[in-house]
Amino acid sequence: MPDDRLTAALTYAARGWHVFPLRPDRSDATDPDEAKRPAFPNRCTAERCDRRDPRCRAAGRHVGWEERATTDPDRIRRAWTTRPYGIGIACGPSGLVVIDCDTRKPDQTPPDQWGSDTTGLDVLTALASHHGGGIDPTYAVSTGRGGTHLYYQHPTGPVLRNTSGDRGGGLGWLVDTRAHGGYVVAAGSTAAGRPYQTIVDCDPAPLPDWLTRLLRPVPLPPQKPVAVDLGGGRRAAYLTAAVDAETRRVTSAPAGARNRTLYTASVALGQLVAGGALTEHHARDALTTAGRTAGLGGTETSRTIASGLRAGAHRPRSVAA
């Protein structure tokens, strides 16, 4: 079986799909979803990276499963000849948008408009009809629980992110999407002994226009300048320039990098706070405004800033008067 997975991983890489190892499927696993998780999870996240993980330390930045995903045959052979890892495909680097049509779990109660035998594919079909579109034939995989993954090419234009069900701009009940920042379990893998299998083997079709319209992020409102009054004088001018540079970095960051950029800016200003050059109030105010201007949610912004300020406090930086 390791050889089968190695062959599959190399095949995906030849298609330009970036792969990485998932945890081996174990018969004694207490968590049925264990085999769906990255084999080498970092102890940290991009927002809370302390550089203790040797991969992050060597790169000088956070290195997670998405950054480690590869099409390099040598790296793939080294990994999959070691253990019977499952195969994860990183959607963003692979230029893919995968529509994950699930099946109802026993503890899920269907919304009023759907019956108990409704599947994600039924919901997607109804959405296509409602929006005057179709579900174009494309590369497809059956999942371990009887769902379906439909692989499409990521469209040109704004970066698409993950969605979950009908929450927060998602497509609908039992329909998730995986794009930048997301991955899928590839055919050739198993989870809790249940196989993922290719059911349509062809090149991914372009993402249908109606799906592109629904998944495209809402445009940001006009950006307001981030202004913090630090008084006058040379020292204040330096601090104002430093704050402006960091907040500008956040507000101009591309989709998919905004939260990470906010964390980096928070670390930088956190150093100045720890060194007594800047008050925490001023730093939080500027960073919060920048994060919200960039389109990040309030909770996400607050947590990222708090984490960055804490990290920056370990390396105080002062400014001469």
C-alpha atoms as a PDB file:
ATOM      1  CA  MET A   1       0.000   0.000   0.000  1.00  0.00           C
ATOM      2  CA  PRO A   2       2.823   2.532   0.653  1.00  0.00           C
ATOM      3  CA  ASP A   3       3.899   1.974  -2.964  1.00  0.00           C
ATOM      4  CA  ASP A   4       0.341   2.639  -4.163  1.00  0.00           C
ATOM      5  CA  ARG A   5       0.246   5.889  -2.254  1.00  0.00           C
ATOM      6  CA  LEU A   6       3.676   6.860  -3.518  1.00  0.00           C
ATOM      7  CA  THR A   7       2.538   6.267  -7.099  1.00  0.00           C
ATOM      8  CA  ALA A   8      -0.603   8.320  -6.483  1.00  0.00           C
ATOM      9  CA  ALA A   9       1.330  11.178  -4.875  1.00  0.00           C
ATOM     10  CA  LEU A  10       3.778  11.282  -7.798  1.00  0.00           C
ATOM     11  CA  THR A  11       0.863  11.250 -10.252  1.00  0.00           C
ATOM     12  CA  TYR A  12      -0.747  14.234  -8.538  1.00  0.00           C
ATOM     13  CA  ALA A  13       2.565  16.102  -8.508  1.00  0.00           C
ATOM     14  CA  ALA A  14       2.932  15.487 -12.250  1.00  0.00           C
ATOM     15  CA  ARG A  15      -0.430  17.244 -12.684  1.00  0.00           C
ATOM     16  CA  GLY A  16       0.970  20.250 -10.807  1.00  0.00           C
ATOM     17  CA  TRP A  17      -0.899  19.464  -7.585  1.00  0.00           C
ATOM     18  CA  HIS A  18       1.074  20.139  -4.415  1.00  0.00           C
ATOM     19  CA  VAL A  19       0.954  17.211  -1.997  1.00  0.00           C
ATOM     20  CA  PHE A  20       1.949  16.649   1.627  1.00  0.00           C
ATOM     21  CA  PRO A  21       1.702  13.666   4.013  1.00  0.00           C
ATOM     22  CA  LEU A  22      -1.347  13.024   6.160  1.00  0.00           C
ATOM     23  CA  ARG A  23      -1.198  10.845   9.267  1.00  0.00           C
ATOM     24  CA  PRO A  24      -1.202   7.096   8.537  1.00  0.00           C
ATOM     25  CA  ASP A  25      -4.606   5.450   8.905  1.00  0.00           C
ATOM     26  CA  ARG A  26      -4.491   3.292  12.060  1.00  0.00           C
ATOM     27  CA  SER A  27      -7.052   0.653  12.992  1.00  0.00           C
ATOM     28  CA  ASP A  28      -6.629   1.529  16.688  1.00  0.00           C
ATOM     29  CA  ALA A  29      -7.136   5.280  16.236  1.00  0.00           C
ATOM     30  CA  THR A  30      -9.707   6.691  18.653  1.00  0.00           C
ATOM     31  CA  ASP A  31     -10.394   9.691  16.397  1.00  0.00           C
ATOM     32  CA  PRO A  32     -12.025   8.660  13.082  1.00  0.00           C
ATOM     33  CA  ASP A  33     -10.721  11.844  11.472  1.00  0.00           C
ATOM     34  CA  GLU A  34      -7.103  11.392  12.580  1.00  0.00           C
ATOM     35  CA  ALA A  35      -5.995  10.205   9.124  1.00  0.00           C
ATOM     36  CA  LYS A  36      -7.318  13.438   7.605  1.00  0.00           C
ATOM     37  CA  ARG A  37      -4.812  15.582   9.506  1.00  0.00           C
ATOM     38  CA  PRO A  38      -1.283  16.651   8.452  1.00  0.00           C
ATOM     39  CA  ALA A  39       1.383  14.172   9.494  1.00  0.00           C
ATOM     40  CA  PHE A  40       3.754  16.854  10.796  1.00  0.00           C
ATOM     41  CA  PRO A  41       1.659  19.589  12.388  1.00  0.00           C
ATOM     42  CA  ASN A  42       3.648  22.517  13.702  1.00  0.00           C
ATOM     43  CA  ARG A  43       3.209  23.381  17.347  1.00  0.00           C
ATOM     44  CA  CYS A  44       2.411  26.900  16.227  1.00  0.00           C
ATOM     45  CA  THR A  45       0.293  28.762  13.699  1.00  0.00           C
ATOM     46  CA  ALA A  46       1.231  31.628  11.406  1.00  0.00           C
ATOM     47  CA  GLU A  47      -0.277  34.030  13.933  1.00  0.00           C
ATOM     48  CA  ARG A  48       1.490  32.490  16.938  1.00  0.00           C
ATOM     49  CA  CYS A  49       4.776  31.234  15.521  1.00  0.00           C
ATOM     50  CA  ASP A  50       7.534  31.314  18.142  1.00  0.00           C
ATOM     51  CA  ARG A  51      10.192  29.838  15.793  1.00  0.00           C
ATOM     52  CA  ARG A  52      10.698  26.858  18.103  1.00  0.00           C
ATOM     53  CA  ASP A  53       9.771  24.395  15.394  1.00  0.00           C
ATOM     54  CA  PRO A  54      13.041  23.662  13.525  1.00  0.00           C
ATOM     55  CA  ARG A  55      11.321  24.047  10.140  1.00  0.00           C
ATOM     56  CA  CYS A  56      10.127  27.536  11.062  1.00  0.00           C
ATOM     57  CA  ARG A  57      13.467  28.452  12.603  1.00  0.00           C
ATOM     58  CA  ALA A  58      15.403  27.373   9.507  1.00  0.00           C
ATOM     59  CA  ALA A  59      13.090  29.323   7.196  1.00  0.00           C
ATOM     60  CA  GLY A  60      12.907  32.380   9.445  1.00  0.00           C
ATOM     61  CA  ARG A  61       9.100  32.309   9.180  1.00  0.00           C
ATOM     62  CA  HIS A  62       6.151  30.052   9.902  1.00  0.00           C
ATOM     63  CA  VAL A  63       6.204  26.931   7.744  1.00  0.00           C
ATOM     64  CA  GLY A  64       2.970  24.947   7.852  1.00  0.00           C
ATOM     65  CA  TRP A  65       1.484  22.177   5.743  1.00  0.00           C
ATOM     66  CA  GLU A  66       0.590  24.573   2.903  1.00  0.00           C
ATOM     67  CA  GLU A  67       4.162  25.850   2.622  1.00  0.00           C
ATOM     68  CA  ARG A  68       5.568  22.306   2.801  1.00  0.00           C
ATOM     69  CA  ALA A  69       3.279  20.913   0.103  1.00  0.00           C
ATOM     70  CA  THR A  70       5.384  20.042  -2.927  1.00  0.00           C
ATOM     71  CA  THR A  71       5.559  18.689  -6.461  1.00  0.00           C
ATOM     72  CA  ASP A  72       9.217  17.670  -6.040  1.00  0.00           C
ATOM     73  CA  PRO A  73       9.464  13.923  -6.868  1.00  0.00           C
ATOM     74  CA  ASP A  74      12.531  13.440  -4.661  1.00  0.00           C
ATOM     75  CA  ARG A  75      10.842  14.907  -1.592  1.00  0.00           C
ATOM     76  CA  ILE A  76       7.727  12.883  -2.306  1.00  0.00           C
ATOM     77  CA  ARG A  77       9.704   9.634  -2.592  1.00  0.00           C
ATOM     78  CA  ARG A  78      11.518  10.344   0.667  1.00  0.00           C
ATOM     79  CA  ALA A  79       8.237  10.853   2.510  1.00  0.00           C
ATOM     80  CA  TRP A  80       6.093   8.054   1.118  1.00  0.00           C
ATOM     81  CA  THR A  81       8.784   5.367   1.233  1.00  0.00           C
ATOM     82  CA  THR A  82       9.123   6.001   4.974  1.00  0.00           C
ATOM     83  CA  ARG A  83       5.575   5.335   6.179  1.00  0.00           C
ATOM     84  CA  PRO A  84       2.123   4.681   4.655  1.00  0.00           C
ATOM     85  CA  TYR A  85       1.083   8.304   4.869  1.00  0.00           C
ATOM     86  CA  GLY A  86      -2.206   9.487   3.459  1.00  0.00           C
ATOM     87  CA  ILE A  87      -2.082  12.139   0.753  1.00  0.00           C
ATOM     88  CA  GLY A  88      -3.198  15.711   1.211  1.00  0.00           C
ATOM     89  CA  ILE A  89      -3.522  18.109  -1.724  1.00  0.00           C
ATOM     90  CA  ALA A  90      -3.003  21.800  -0.886  1.00  0.00           C
ATOM     91  CA  CYS A  91      -5.645  23.538  -2.987  1.00  0.00           C
ATOM     92  CA  GLY A  92      -4.179  27.058  -3.093  1.00  0.00           C
ATOM     93  CA  PRO A  93      -0.708  26.217  -4.451  1.00  0.00           C
ATOM     94  CA  SER A  94      -2.319  23.675  -6.805  1.00  0.00           C
ATOM     95  CA  GLY A  95      -4.633  26.258  -8.372  1.00  0.00           C
ATOM     96  CA  LEU A  96      -7.709  24.279  -7.324  1.00  0.00           C
ATOM     97  CA  VAL A  97     -11.128  24.987  -5.880  1.00  0.00           C
ATOM     98  CA  VAL A  98     -12.679  21.790  -4.535  1.00  0.00           C
ATOM     99  CA  ILE A  99     -16.409  21.604  -3.849  1.00  0.00           C
ATOM    100  CA  ASP A 100     -16.938  19.160  -0.991  1.00  0.00           C
ATOM    101  CA  CYS A 101     -20.431  17.687  -1.132  1.00  0.00           C
ATOM    102  CA  ASP A 102     -20.956  15.788   2.103  1.00  0.00           C
ATOM    103  CA  THR A 103     -23.584  13.373   3.380  1.00  0.00           C
ATOM    104  CA  ARG A 104     -25.676  13.956   6.488  1.00  0.00           C
ATOM    105  CA  LYS A 105     -24.232  12.640   9.731  1.00  0.00           C
ATOM    106  CA  PRO A 106     -26.601  10.924  12.199  1.00  0.00           C
ATOM    107  CA  ASP A 107     -26.482  13.853  14.632  1.00  0.00           C
ATOM    108  CA  GLN A 108     -27.236  16.485  11.967  1.00  0.00           C
ATOM    109  CA  THR A 109     -30.750  17.878  11.644  1.00  0.00           C
ATOM    110  CA  PRO A 110     -31.567  19.032   8.102  1.00  0.00           C
ATOM    111  CA  PRO A 111     -32.943  22.547   7.586  1.00  0.00           C
ATOM    112  CA  ASP A 112     -36.671  22.758   6.952  1.00  0.00           C
ATOM    113  CA  GLN A 113     -36.356  22.787   3.160  1.00  0.00           C
ATOM    114  CA  TRP A 114     -34.342  19.552   3.028  1.00  0.00           C
ATOM    115  CA  GLY A 115     -35.296  15.971   3.818  1.00  0.00           C
ATOM    116  CA  SER A 116     -33.270  13.526   5.884  1.00  0.00           C
ATOM    117  CA  ASP A 117     -31.951  11.778   2.759  1.00  0.00           C
ATOM    118  CA  THR A 118     -30.606  14.995   1.206  1.00  0.00           C
ATOM    119  CA  THR A 119     -26.915  15.012   0.231  1.00  0.00           C
ATOM    120  CA  GLY A 120     -24.541  17.867  -0.479  1.00  0.00           C
ATOM    121  CA  LEU A 121     -24.709  16.965  -4.157  1.00  0.00           C
ATOM    122  CA  ASP A 122     -28.505  17.457  -4.018  1.00  0.00           C
ATOM    123  CA  VAL A 123     -28.011  20.887  -2.454  1.00  0.00           C
ATOM    124  CA  LEU A 124     -25.403  21.854  -5.066  1.00  0.00           C
ATOM    125  CA  THR A 125     -27.718  20.724  -7.883  1.00  0.00           C
ATOM    126  CA  ALA A 126     -30.553  22.830  -6.467  1.00  0.00           C
ATOM    127  CA  LEU A 127     -28.229  25.836  -6.156  1.00  0.00           C
ATOM    128  CA  ALA A 128     -27.122  25.434  -9.772  1.00  0.00           C
ATOM    129  CA  SER A 129     -30.755  25.391 -10.934  1.00  0.00           C
ATOM    130  CA  HIS A 130     -31.611  28.423  -8.806  1.00  0.00           C
ATOM    131  CA  HIS A 131     -28.705  30.425 -10.218  1.00  0.00           C
ATOM    132  CA  GLY A 132     -29.259  29.362 -13.814  1.00  0.00           C
ATOM    133  CA  GLY A 133     -26.080  27.323 -14.010  1.00  0.00           C
ATOM    134  CA  GLY A 134     -24.927  23.748 -14.156  1.00  0.00           C
ATOM    135  CA  ILE A 135     -22.416  21.368 -12.618  1.00  0.00           C
ATOM    136  CA  ASP A 136     -19.811  20.840 -15.317  1.00  0.00           C
ATOM    137  CA  PRO A 137     -18.158  17.412 -15.610  1.00  0.00           C
ATOM    138  CA  THR A 138     -14.804  17.520 -13.841  1.00  0.00           C
ATOM    139  CA  TYR A 139     -12.287  15.468 -11.881  1.00  0.00           C
ATOM    140  CA  ALA A 140     -14.190  13.876  -8.994  1.00  0.00           C
ATOM    141  CA  VAL A 141     -13.409  11.765  -5.935  1.00  0.00           C
ATOM    142  CA  SER A 142     -15.721   9.757  -3.678  1.00  0.00           C
ATOM    143  CA  THR A 143     -14.936  10.334  -0.006  1.00  0.00           C
ATOM    144  CA  GLY A 144     -14.782   7.794   2.783  1.00  0.00           C
ATOM    145  CA  ARG A 145     -18.200   8.769   4.110  1.00  0.00           C
ATOM    146  CA  GLY A 146     -19.950   8.674   0.755  1.00  0.00           C
ATOM    147  CA  GLY A 147     -19.545  12.313  -0.197  1.00  0.00           C
ATOM    148  CA  THR A 148     -18.078  13.755  -3.384  1.00  0.00           C
ATOM    149  CA  HIS A 149     -15.157  16.112  -4.063  1.00  0.00           C
ATOM    150  CA  LEU A 150     -15.460  18.053  -7.315  1.00  0.00           C
ATOM    151  CA  TYR A 151     -12.142  19.569  -8.442  1.00  0.00           C
ATOM    152  CA  TYR A 152     -12.195  22.816 -10.471  1.00  0.00           C
ATOM    153  CA  GLN A 153      -9.581  25.263 -11.697  1.00  0.00           C
ATOM    154  CA  HIS A 154      -9.232  28.373  -9.547  1.00  0.00           C
ATOM    155  CA  PRO A 155     -10.534  31.307 -11.615  1.00  0.00           C
ATOM    156  CA  THR A 156      -8.527  34.409 -12.387  1.00  0.00           C
ATOM    157  CA  GLY A 157      -9.268  37.394 -10.183  1.00  0.00           C
ATOM    158  CA  PRO A 158      -9.635  37.552  -6.396  1.00  0.00           C
ATOM    159  CA  VAL A 159      -8.256  34.719  -4.294  1.00  0.00           C
ATOM    160  CA  LEU A 160     -10.990  32.353  -3.112  1.00  0.00           C
ATOM    161  CA  ARG A 161     -10.900  30.971   0.426  1.00  0.00           C
ATOM    162  CA  ASN A 162     -12.584  28.092   2.257  1.00  0.00           C
ATOM    163  CA  THR A 163     -16.269  28.080   3.124  1.00  0.00           C
ATOM    164  CA  SER A 164     -18.232  25.849   5.470  1.00  0.00           C
ATOM    165  CA  GLY A 165     -21.828  24.879   4.818  1.00  0.00           C
ATOM    166  CA  ASP A 166     -24.265  27.777   4.793  1.00  0.00           C
ATOM    167  CA  ARG A 167     -22.322  29.805   7.367  1.00  0.00           C
ATOM    168  CA  GLY A 168     -20.684  33.160   6.649  1.00  0.00           C
ATOM    169  CA  GLY A 169     -21.021  33.291   2.880  1.00  0.00           C
ATOM    170  CA  GLY A 170     -20.932  29.519   2.359  1.00  0.00           C
ATOM    171  CA  LEU A 171     -22.813  27.878  -0.494  1.00  0.00           C
ATOM    172  CA  GLY A 172     -25.327  25.790   1.435  1.00  0.00           C
ATOM    173  CA  TRP A 173     -26.007  22.947   3.823  1.00  0.00           C
ATOM    174  CA  LEU A 174     -23.591  20.001   3.421  1.00  0.00           C
ATOM    175  CA  VAL A 175     -21.539  21.904   0.824  1.00  0.00           C
ATOM    176  CA  ASP A 176     -18.056  23.094   1.797  1.00  0.00           C
ATOM    177  CA  THR A 177     -15.343  24.552  -0.416  1.00  0.00           C
ATOM    178  CA  ARG A 178     -11.581  24.277  -0.200  1.00  0.00           C
ATOM    179  CA  ALA A 179      -9.301  26.771  -1.953  1.00  0.00           C
ATOM    180  CA  HIS A 180      -6.455  28.952  -0.629  1.00  0.00           C
ATOM    181  CA  GLY A 181      -5.737  27.945   2.951  1.00  0.00           C
ATOM    182  CA  GLY A 182      -7.451  24.591   2.522  1.00  0.00           C
ATOM    183  CA  TYR A 183      -6.649  21.030   1.552  1.00  0.00           C
ATOM    184  CA  VAL A 184      -8.442  17.819   0.644  1.00  0.00           C
ATOM    185  CA  VAL A 185      -7.736  14.152   1.255  1.00  0.00           C
ATOM    186  CA  ALA A 186      -6.707  12.693  -2.099  1.00  0.00           C
ATOM    187  CA  ALA A 187      -7.840   9.479  -3.742  1.00  0.00           C
ATOM    188  CA  GLY A 188      -5.578   6.617  -2.701  1.00  0.00           C
ATOM    189  CA  SER A 189      -5.893   7.568   0.969  1.00  0.00           C
ATOM    190  CA  THR A 190      -8.094   5.968   3.602  1.00  0.00           C
ATOM    191  CA  ALA A 191      -9.647   7.386   6.770  1.00  0.00           C
ATOM    192  CA  ALA A 192     -10.977   5.004   9.427  1.00  0.00           C
ATOM    193  CA  GLY A 193     -10.478   2.253   6.862  1.00  0.00           C
ATOM    194  CA  ARG A 194     -12.746   3.952   4.331  1.00  0.00           C
ATOM    195  CA  PRO A 195     -11.123   4.666   0.948  1.00  0.00           C
ATOM    196  CA  TYR A 196     -11.100   7.835  -1.117  1.00  0.00           C
ATOM    197  CA  GLN A 197     -11.448   6.830  -4.767  1.00  0.00           C
ATOM    198  CA  THR A 198     -11.303   8.622  -8.114  1.00  0.00           C
ATOM    199  CA  ILE A 199     -14.696   8.363  -9.845  1.00  0.00           C
ATOM    200  CA  VAL A 200     -14.063  10.753 -12.762  1.00  0.00           C
ATOM    201  CA  ASP A 201     -10.463  11.005 -13.977  1.00  0.00           C
ATOM    202  CA  CYS A 202     -10.031  14.029 -16.229  1.00  0.00           C
ATOM    203  CA  ASP A 203      -8.503  17.480 -16.045  1.00  0.00           C
ATOM    204  CA  PRO A 204     -10.371  19.796 -13.658  1.00  0.00           C
ATOM    205  CA  ALA A 205     -12.864  21.992 -15.479  1.00  0.00           C
ATOM    206  CA  PRO A 206     -12.945  25.770 -15.016  1.00  0.00           C
ATOM    207  CA  LEU A 207     -14.996  26.748 -11.984  1.00  0.00           C
ATOM    208  CA  PRO A 208     -18.517  27.511 -13.295  1.00  0.00           C
ATOM    209  CA  ASP A 209     -19.298  31.209 -13.483  1.00  0.00           C
ATOM    210  CA  TRP A 210     -22.241  30.966 -11.088  1.00  0.00           C
ATOM    211  CA  LEU A 211     -20.024  29.377  -8.444  1.00  0.00           C
ATOM    212  CA  THR A 212     -17.317  31.964  -9.022  1.00  0.00           C
ATOM    213  CA  ARG A 213     -19.854  34.736  -8.425  1.00  0.00           C
ATOM    214  CA  LEU A 214     -21.087  33.153  -5.190  1.00  0.00           C
ATOM    215  CA  LEU A 215     -17.608  32.455  -3.829  1.00  0.00           C
ATOM    216  CA  ARG A 216     -15.940  35.717  -4.811  1.00  0.00           C
ATOM    217  CA  PRO A 217     -15.167  37.745  -1.651  1.00  0.00           C
ATOM    218  CA  VAL A 218     -17.208  40.853  -1.007  1.00  0.00           C
ATOM    219  CA  PRO A 219     -15.161  43.943  -2.012  1.00  0.00           C
ATOM    220  CA  LEU A 220     -13.647  45.860   0.858  1.00  0.00           C
ATOM    221  CA  PRO A 221     -15.176  49.235   1.702  1.00  0.00           C
ATOM    222  CA  PRO A 222     -13.110  52.314   0.802  1.00  0.00           C
ATOM    223  CA  GLN A 223     -10.046  52.283   2.993  1.00  0.00           C
ATOM    224  CA  LYS A 224      -9.647  54.968   5.595  1.00  0.00           C
ATOM    225  CA  PRO A 225      -6.195  56.239   6.511  1.00  0.00           C
ATOM    226  CA  VAL A 226      -4.858  54.857   9.766  1.00  0.00           C
ATOM    227  CA  ALA A 227      -3.910  57.824  11.953  1.00  0.00           C
ATOM    228  CA  VAL A 228      -2.398  57.803  15.429  1.00  0.00           C
ATOM    229  CA  ASP A 229      -1.366  61.086  17.055  1.00  0.00           C
ATOM    230  CA  LEU A 230       2.009  60.619  18.760  1.00  0.00           C
ATOM    231  CA  GLY A 231       2.718  64.306  19.274  1.00  0.00           C
ATOM    232  CA  GLY A 232       5.606  66.289  17.767  1.00  0.00           C
ATOM    233  CA  GLY A 233       9.390  66.174  17.642  1.00  0.00           C
ATOM    234  CA  ARG A 234      11.936  63.923  15.956  1.00  0.00           C
ATOM    235  CA  ARG A 235      11.174  60.896  18.154  1.00  0.00           C
ATOM    236  CA  ALA A 236       7.452  61.197  17.532  1.00  0.00           C
ATOM    237  CA  ALA A 237       8.078  61.550  13.787  1.00  0.00           C
ATOM    238  CA  TYR A 238      10.092  58.322  13.794  1.00  0.00           C
ATOM    239  CA  LEU A 239       7.400  56.443  15.705  1.00  0.00           C
ATOM    240  CA  THR A 240       4.660  57.820  13.464  1.00  0.00           C
ATOM    241  CA  ALA A 241       6.587  56.627  10.411  1.00  0.00           C
ATOM    242  CA  ALA A 242       7.089  53.184  11.986  1.00  0.00           C
ATOM    243  CA  VAL A 243       3.405  52.818  12.818  1.00  0.00           C
ATOM    244  CA  ASP A 244       2.403  54.065   9.353  1.00  0.00           C
ATOM    245  CA  ALA A 245       4.740  51.581   7.660  1.00  0.00           C
ATOM    246  CA  GLU A 246       3.378  48.606   9.598  1.00  0.00           C
ATOM    247  CA  THR A 247      -0.285  49.524   9.206  1.00  0.00           C
ATOM    248  CA  ARG A 248       0.195  50.254   5.500  1.00  0.00           C
ATOM    249  CA  ARG A 249       1.678  46.795   5.149  1.00  0.00           C
ATOM    250  CA  VAL A 250      -1.482  45.318   6.661  1.00  0.00           C
ATOM    251  CA  THR A 251      -3.989  47.330   4.638  1.00  0.00           C
ATOM    252  CA  SER A 252      -2.195  46.594   1.363  1.00  0.00           C
ATOM    253  CA  ALA A 253      -1.624  42.858   2.023  1.00  0.00           C
ATOM    254  CA  PRO A 254      -3.195  40.528  -0.545  1.00  0.00           C
ATOM    255  CA  ALA A 255      -6.073  38.249   0.392  1.00  0.00           C
ATOM    256  CA  GLY A 256      -4.749  35.177   2.125  1.00  0.00           C
ATOM    257  CA  ALA A 257      -1.825  37.041   3.692  1.00  0.00           C
ATOM    258  CA  ARG A 258      -3.668  39.700   5.690  1.00  0.00           C
ATOM    259  CA  ASN A 259      -3.844  37.898   9.022  1.00  0.00           C
ATOM    260  CA  ARG A 260      -0.219  36.806   8.812  1.00  0.00           C
ATOM    261  CA  THR A 261       0.829  40.355   7.902  1.00  0.00           C
ATOM    262  CA  LEU A 262      -1.168  41.742  10.828  1.00  0.00           C
ATOM    263  CA  TYR A 263       0.653  39.342  13.157  1.00  0.00           C
ATOM    264  CA  THR A 264       4.058  40.438  11.826  1.00  0.00           C
ATOM    265  CA  ALA A 265       3.110  44.118  12.236  1.00  0.00           C
ATOM    266  CA  SER A 266       1.879  43.414  15.771  1.00  0.00           C
ATOM    267  CA  VAL A 267       5.202  41.803  16.665  1.00  0.00           C
ATOM    268  CA  ALA A 268       7.087  44.856  15.335  1.00  0.00           C
ATOM    269  CA  LEU A 269       4.962  47.343  17.256  1.00  0.00           C
ATOM    270  CA  GLY A 270       4.960  45.038  20.280  1.00  0.00           C
ATOM    271  CA  GLN A 271       8.733  45.438  20.420  1.00  0.00           C
ATOM    272  CA  LEU A 272       8.325  49.214  20.581  1.00  0.00           C
ATOM    273  CA  VAL A 273       5.677  48.870  23.292  1.00  0.00           C
ATOM    274  CA  ALA A 274       7.955  46.612  25.347  1.00  0.00           C
ATOM    275  CA  GLY A 275      10.809  49.094  24.935  1.00  0.00           C
ATOM    276  CA  GLY A 276       8.674  51.946  26.240  1.00  0.00           C
ATOM    277  CA  ALA A 277       8.696  53.850  22.929  1.00  0.00           C
ATOM    278  CA  LEU A 278       5.013  53.325  22.199  1.00  0.00           C
ATOM    279  CA  THR A 279       1.994  52.805  24.413  1.00  0.00           C
ATOM    280  CA  GLU A 280       0.021  49.599  24.033  1.00  0.00           C
ATOM    281  CA  HIS A 281      -3.120  51.680  23.556  1.00  0.00           C
ATOM    282  CA  HIS A 282      -1.625  53.447  20.519  1.00  0.00           C
ATOM    283  CA  ALA A 283      -0.346  50.169  19.064  1.00  0.00           C
ATOM    284  CA  ARG A 284      -3.657  48.341  19.511  1.00  0.00           C
ATOM    285  CA  ASP A 285      -5.644  51.256  18.131  1.00  0.00           C
ATOM    286  CA  ALA A 286      -3.560  51.510  14.962  1.00  0.00           C
ATOM    287  CA  LEU A 287      -3.374  47.759  14.404  1.00  0.00           C
ATOM    288  CA  THR A 288      -7.092  47.231  15.030  1.00  0.00           C
ATOM    289  CA  THR A 289      -8.012  49.929  12.523  1.00  0.00           C
ATOM    290  CA  ALA A 290      -5.611  48.448   9.977  1.00  0.00           C
ATOM    291  CA  GLY A 291      -6.935  44.918  10.471  1.00  0.00           C
ATOM    292  CA  ARG A 292     -10.569  45.940  10.091  1.00  0.00           C
ATOM    293  CA  THR A 293      -9.726  48.130   7.073  1.00  0.00           C
ATOM    294  CA  ALA A 294      -8.059  45.082   5.485  1.00  0.00           C
ATOM    295  CA  GLY A 295     -11.317  43.149   5.893  1.00  0.00           C
ATOM    296  CA  LEU A 296     -10.426  40.935   8.873  1.00  0.00           C
ATOM    297  CA  GLY A 297     -13.107  40.086  11.417  1.00  0.00           C
ATOM    298  CA  GLY A 298     -13.150  41.671  14.853  1.00  0.00           C
ATOM    299  CA  THR A 299     -12.371  38.510  16.842  1.00  0.00           C
ATOM    300  CA  GLU A 300      -9.682  37.406  14.403  1.00  0.00           C
ATOM    301  CA  THR A 301      -8.084  40.858  14.477  1.00  0.00           C
ATOM    302  CA  SER A 302      -8.114  41.075  18.278  1.00  0.00           C
ATOM    303  CA  ARG A 303      -6.576  37.634  18.789  1.00  0.00           C
ATOM    304  CA  THR A 304      -3.868  38.153  16.184  1.00  0.00           C
ATOM    305  CA  ILE A 305      -2.866  41.522  17.632  1.00  0.00           C
ATOM    306  CA  ALA A 306      -2.749  40.138  21.176  1.00  0.00           C
ATOM    307  CA  SER A 307      -0.565  37.237  20.040  1.00  0.00           C
ATOM    308  CA  GLY A 308       1.786  39.510  18.081  1.00  0.00           C
ATOM    309  CA  LEU A 309       2.159  42.000  20.927  1.00  0.00           C
ATOM    310  CA  ARG A 310       3.010  39.148  23.304  1.00  0.00           C
ATOM    311  CA  ALA A 311       5.652  37.823  20.921  1.00  0.00           C
ATOM    312  CA  GLY A 312       7.121  41.291  20.395  1.00  0.00           C
ATOM    313  CA  ALA A 313       7.376  41.829  24.147  1.00  0.00           C
ATOM    314  CA  HIS A 314      10.134  39.210  24.275  1.00  0.00           C
ATOM    315  CA  ARG A 315      12.372  41.452  22.135  1.00  0.00           C
ATOM    316  CA  PRO A 316      11.973  45.054  23.395  1.00  0.00           C
ATOM    317  CA  ARG A 317      13.114  47.850  21.083  1.00  0.00           C
ATOM    318  CA  SER A 318      13.679  51.421  22.270  1.00  0.00           C
ATOM    319  CA  VAL A 319      13.924  54.669  20.347  1.00  0.00           C
ATOM    320  CA  ALA A 320      16.373  57.410  21.296  1.00  0.00           C
ATOM    321  CA  ALA A 321      14.864  60.763  22.134  1.00  0.00           C
END
